[in-house]
């Protein structure tokens, strides 16, 4: 029997290269990097970033939601029919999920209707993140995509 999903709460994502993270040094061994990646994966899954932070540091936090089905299908169609490329797809996925950004100066996420998709974060957030590091959008977009394609609550 199918059952509707329980309420799915917002999630906090952190960019893996955020300076507040207590990452191993560049000369770390493969084993140290593997342990670090596991700790980051656990933080992503649990939403508890404290164990991977430098003492007294706060990362930039990206608050994301599960994208509603109708919006998700519109984005998937654009990606699937190759009307947009992978990078634009990650941008749309992140914009559709993004509710807010914390610890990022005075910047506030605002939303507007995107033609054919619905209300999503304005593109200015992508431009600003790209000015910091273009990998942020790709990484966070992929995290949202992975969560979106998984079954809630399983």
Protein backbone atom coordinates (compact mmCIF):
# COMPACT_ATOMS: atom_id res chain seq x y z
CA UNK A 1 0.00 0.00 0.00
CA UNK A 2 1.24 3.47 -0.86
CA UNK A 3 1.13 6.17 1.78
CA UNK A 4 1.66 9.90 1.44
CA UNK A 5 5.04 11.00 2.77
CA UNK A 6 5.25 12.49 6.22
CA UNK A 7 6.14 16.14 6.41
CA UNK A 8 9.62 16.64 5.08
CA UNK A 9 11.53 19.31 6.96
CA UNK A 10 13.96 21.84 5.61
CA UNK A 11 17.60 20.81 5.42
CA UNK A 12 20.78 22.80 5.98
CA UNK A 13 23.61 22.31 3.50
CA UNK A 14 27.16 23.61 3.84
CA UNK A 15 29.67 23.91 1.01
CA UNK A 16 32.48 21.39 1.55
CA UNK A 17 35.16 24.06 1.05
CA UNK A 18 33.70 26.53 3.55
CA UNK A 19 36.62 27.96 5.58
CA UNK A 20 34.72 27.27 8.83
CA UNK A 21 35.06 23.52 8.28
CA UNK A 22 37.92 21.78 10.04
CA UNK A 23 39.08 19.98 6.92
CA UNK A 24 42.36 18.07 6.80
CA UNK A 25 45.39 19.85 5.32
CA UNK A 26 46.18 19.61 1.62
CA UNK A 27 48.94 17.08 2.36
CA UNK A 28 46.55 14.73 4.21
CA UNK A 29 46.76 11.03 3.49
CA UNK A 30 44.12 9.24 1.45
CA UNK A 31 42.89 7.62 4.67
CA UNK A 32 42.54 11.02 6.38
CA UNK A 33 40.63 12.41 3.39
CA UNK A 34 38.38 9.34 3.37
CA UNK A 35 37.59 9.76 7.09
CA UNK A 36 36.93 13.48 6.52
CA UNK A 37 34.55 12.75 3.64
CA UNK A 38 32.66 10.29 5.85
CA UNK A 39 32.30 12.94 8.57
CA UNK A 40 30.97 15.45 6.01
CA UNK A 41 28.53 12.82 4.66
CA UNK A 42 27.26 12.19 8.20
CA UNK A 43 26.83 15.95 8.76
CA UNK A 44 24.86 16.23 5.51
CA UNK A 45 22.64 13.32 6.49
CA UNK A 46 21.99 14.40 10.08
CA UNK A 47 22.11 18.16 9.61
CA UNK A 48 24.54 18.38 12.56
CA UNK A 49 27.56 20.29 11.28
CA UNK A 50 29.14 20.96 14.70
CA UNK A 51 31.47 17.92 14.61
CA UNK A 52 33.17 19.15 11.41
CA UNK A 53 33.57 22.84 12.33
CA UNK A 54 36.64 24.66 13.54
CA UNK A 55 36.15 25.78 17.15
CA UNK A 56 34.18 29.02 17.32
CA UNK A 57 33.51 29.14 13.56
CA UNK A 58 30.16 29.33 11.79
CA UNK A 59 29.79 28.21 8.17
CA UNK A 60 27.56 29.73 5.56
CA UNK A 61 24.35 27.71 5.82
CA UNK A 62 22.05 27.09 2.87
CA UNK A 63 18.51 26.28 3.99
CA UNK A 64 16.77 24.14 1.38
CA UNK A 65 13.38 22.50 1.08
CA UNK A 66 12.19 19.49 -0.81
CA UNK A 67 11.06 20.85 -4.20
CA UNK A 68 7.29 20.44 -4.74
CA UNK A 69 6.41 17.80 -7.33
CA UNK A 70 4.93 20.13 -9.94
CA UNK A 71 7.98 22.40 -9.88
CA UNK A 72 10.32 19.41 -9.83
CA UNK A 73 8.72 17.86 -12.91
CA UNK A 74 9.06 21.11 -14.87
CA UNK A 75 12.77 21.28 -14.06
CA UNK A 76 13.28 17.57 -14.79
CA UNK A 77 11.63 18.02 -18.18
CA UNK A 78 13.98 20.87 -19.06
CA UNK A 79 17.00 18.80 -18.03
CA UNK A 80 15.71 15.58 -19.59
CA UNK A 81 14.84 17.08 -22.95
CA UNK A 82 18.23 18.84 -23.01
CA UNK A 83 16.65 22.25 -23.36
CA UNK A 84 19.21 23.32 -20.76
CA UNK A 85 22.68 22.10 -19.86
CA UNK A 86 23.82 20.38 -16.70
CA UNK A 87 25.18 23.54 -15.09
CA UNK A 88 21.98 25.51 -15.70
CA UNK A 89 20.08 22.49 -14.41
CA UNK A 90 22.03 22.53 -11.12
CA UNK A 91 21.36 26.25 -10.85
CA UNK A 92 17.60 25.76 -11.31
CA UNK A 93 17.54 22.85 -8.87
CA UNK A 94 19.31 24.91 -6.21
CA UNK A 95 17.14 27.98 -6.85
CA UNK A 96 13.96 25.88 -6.60
CA UNK A 97 15.02 24.42 -3.25
CA UNK A 98 16.74 27.43 -1.67
CA UNK A 99 14.79 29.13 1.09
CA UNK A 100 17.56 31.14 2.67
CA UNK A 101 21.27 31.68 3.24
CA UNK A 102 22.68 32.33 6.70
CA UNK A 103 26.09 33.79 7.58
CA UNK A 104 26.56 35.34 4.15
CA UNK A 105 26.77 39.02 4.97
CA UNK A 106 23.59 41.01 4.51
CA UNK A 107 22.42 38.99 1.51
CA UNK A 108 18.83 37.78 1.64
CA UNK A 109 17.33 35.26 -0.75
CA UNK A 110 14.31 36.59 -2.59
CA UNK A 111 11.93 34.63 -4.78
CA UNK A 112 10.16 35.40 -8.03
CA UNK A 113 8.24 33.57 -10.73
CA UNK A 114 10.50 31.87 -13.25
CA UNK A 115 8.86 31.46 -16.63
CA UNK A 116 7.32 28.02 -16.89
CA UNK A 117 8.55 26.84 -13.47
CA UNK A 118 6.96 28.90 -10.72
CA UNK A 119 8.33 30.75 -7.73
CA UNK A 120 12.03 30.05 -7.11
CA UNK A 121 14.99 32.01 -5.73
CA UNK A 122 16.08 34.85 -7.97
CA UNK A 123 19.16 34.30 -10.11
CA UNK A 124 21.11 36.97 -8.21
CA UNK A 125 22.00 34.36 -5.59
CA UNK A 126 23.66 32.21 -8.26
CA UNK A 127 25.63 35.18 -9.62
CA UNK A 128 26.82 36.06 -6.12
CA UNK A 129 27.81 32.47 -5.26
CA UNK A 130 29.62 32.11 -8.60
CA UNK A 131 31.62 35.23 -7.76
CA UNK A 132 32.83 33.45 -4.61
CA UNK A 133 33.39 30.01 -6.19
CA UNK A 134 31.48 28.48 -9.13
CA UNK A 135 31.79 25.04 -7.51
CA UNK A 136 29.34 26.08 -4.76
CA UNK A 137 26.32 26.01 -7.08
CA UNK A 138 27.33 22.70 -8.67
CA UNK A 139 27.98 20.99 -5.33
CA UNK A 140 24.87 22.25 -3.56
CA UNK A 141 22.72 21.67 -6.65
CA UNK A 142 23.94 18.08 -6.78
CA UNK A 143 23.15 17.62 -3.06
CA UNK A 144 19.61 18.90 -3.63
CA UNK A 145 19.24 16.71 -6.72
CA UNK A 146 20.35 13.62 -4.79
CA UNK A 147 17.92 14.34 -1.96
CA UNK A 148 15.13 15.11 -4.39
CA UNK A 149 15.53 11.80 -6.22
CA UNK A 150 15.56 9.78 -2.99
CA UNK A 151 12.38 8.66 -1.32
CA UNK A 152 11.50 10.87 1.68
CA UNK A 153 11.69 9.13 5.04
CA UNK A 154 13.55 6.07 3.75
